[in-house]
Amino acid sequence: MHERNAGHYNDPSLCLKPDLGSRDQQCGAYRGRADTAQTIAIVGYVAGGALGVASALLFMIEPTTPVAKRSAIRVEAGPGSLQVDWSRSF
């Protein structure tokens, strides 16, 4: 997107027609679009890098307290019925 709009802005056959004003007056919209696309790309690269670093840190850091794993089985029986519940927490 940036390269295409920058190419249009820099094309003399499109943006340097005589008696129509400066390059910015004739093709300022192309320059604005190119600048916006470049800004979005930079923000995307920075955000991707920050998320990558955060992800790596989260994978490398071990919890300071061990997580207790609990498992419980409960059986209830009554006349004509049997109920078994199993639960586990991580």
Protein backbone atom coordinates (compact mmCIF):
# COMPACT_ATOMS: atom_id res chain seq x y z
CA MET A 1 0.00 0.00 0.00
CA HIS A 2 2.80 2.38 0.97
CA GLU A 3 4.89 1.60 -2.10
CA ARG A 4 1.99 1.88 -4.53
CA ASN A 5 0.85 5.26 -3.22
CA ALA A 6 4.42 6.55 -2.95
CA GLY A 7 4.97 5.45 -6.55
CA HIS A 8 1.91 7.41 -7.69
CA TYR A 9 3.06 10.47 -5.73
CA ASN A 10 6.54 10.30 -7.27
CA ASP A 11 5.30 9.73 -10.85
CA PRO A 12 5.93 12.97 -12.79
CA SER A 13 3.31 12.13 -15.43
CA LEU A 14 0.61 12.05 -12.74
CA CYS A 15 1.70 14.71 -10.29
CA LEU A 16 3.71 17.32 -12.21
CA LYS A 17 1.24 18.55 -14.78
CA PRO A 18 1.90 22.15 -15.75
CA ASP A 19 -0.28 24.96 -14.36
CA LEU A 20 -2.12 22.71 -11.88
CA GLY A 21 -0.09 23.54 -8.79
CA SER A 22 2.58 21.80 -6.83
CA ARG A 23 3.03 18.06 -6.44
CA ASP A 24 1.31 18.19 -3.04
CA GLN A 25 -1.65 20.08 -4.48
CA GLN A 26 -2.05 17.61 -7.30
CA CYS A 27 -1.30 14.34 -5.50
CA GLY A 28 -1.29 15.09 -1.78
CA ALA A 29 -3.83 12.32 -1.18
CA TYR A 30 -1.31 9.71 -2.38
CA ARG A 31 1.29 11.04 0.03
CA GLY A 32 -1.20 10.97 2.91
CA ARG A 33 -2.16 7.37 2.16
CA ALA A 34 1.50 6.33 1.91
CA ASP A 35 2.32 7.98 5.25
CA THR A 36 -0.69 6.33 6.92
CA ALA A 37 0.25 2.89 5.57
CA GLN A 38 3.83 3.33 6.79
CA THR A 39 2.63 4.35 10.27
CA ILE A 40 0.31 1.34 10.50
CA ALA A 41 3.14 -0.97 9.42
CA ILE A 42 5.52 0.43 12.05
CA VAL A 43 2.91 0.12 14.80
CA GLY A 44 2.21 -3.46 13.71
CA TYR A 45 5.90 -4.41 13.79
CA VAL A 46 6.38 -2.86 17.23
CA ALA A 47 3.25 -4.53 18.63
CA GLY A 48 4.27 -7.89 17.17
CA GLY A 49 7.72 -7.62 18.70
CA ALA A 50 6.33 -6.62 22.09
CA LEU A 51 3.89 -9.53 22.06
CA GLY A 52 6.68 -11.91 21.05
CA VAL A 53 8.88 -10.77 23.94
CA ALA A 54 5.97 -11.00 26.39
CA SER A 55 5.16 -14.50 25.17
CA ALA A 56 8.77 -15.64 25.55
CA LEU A 57 8.93 -14.22 29.06
CA LEU A 58 5.73 -15.95 30.08
CA PHE A 59 7.06 -19.28 28.81
CA MET A 60 10.40 -18.84 30.59
CA ILE A 61 9.07 -17.71 33.97
CA GLU A 62 8.19 -20.55 36.31
CA PRO A 63 5.55 -20.06 38.99
CA THR A 64 7.03 -19.40 42.43
CA THR A 65 4.49 -21.55 44.25
CA PRO A 66 3.61 -24.99 42.98
CA VAL A 67 0.06 -25.44 41.86
CA ALA A 68 -1.71 -28.14 43.83
CA LYS A 69 -3.53 -30.64 41.72
CA ARG A 70 -6.59 -32.07 43.34
CA SER A 71 -8.75 -34.90 42.23
CA ALA A 72 -11.96 -35.91 43.92
CA ILE A 73 -14.31 -38.79 43.30
CA ARG A 74 -17.67 -38.84 45.01
CA VAL A 75 -20.04 -41.78 44.91
CA GLU A 76 -23.62 -41.59 46.10
CA ALA A 77 -25.90 -44.54 46.11
CA GLY A 78 -29.54 -44.69 46.97
CA PRO A 79 -32.52 -46.92 46.34
CA GLY A 80 -32.70 -47.33 42.58
CA SER A 81 -29.95 -44.83 41.75
CA LEU A 82 -26.17 -44.53 41.59
CA GLN A 83 -24.32 -41.28 41.08
CA VAL A 84 -20.57 -40.92 40.45
CA ASP A 85 -18.94 -37.48 40.26
CA TRP A 86 -15.29 -36.91 39.36
CA SER A 87 -13.65 -33.51 39.45
CA ARG A 88 -10.08 -32.32 39.02
CA SER A 89 -8.55 -28.91 39.51
CA PHE A 90 -5.29 -27.72 38.00
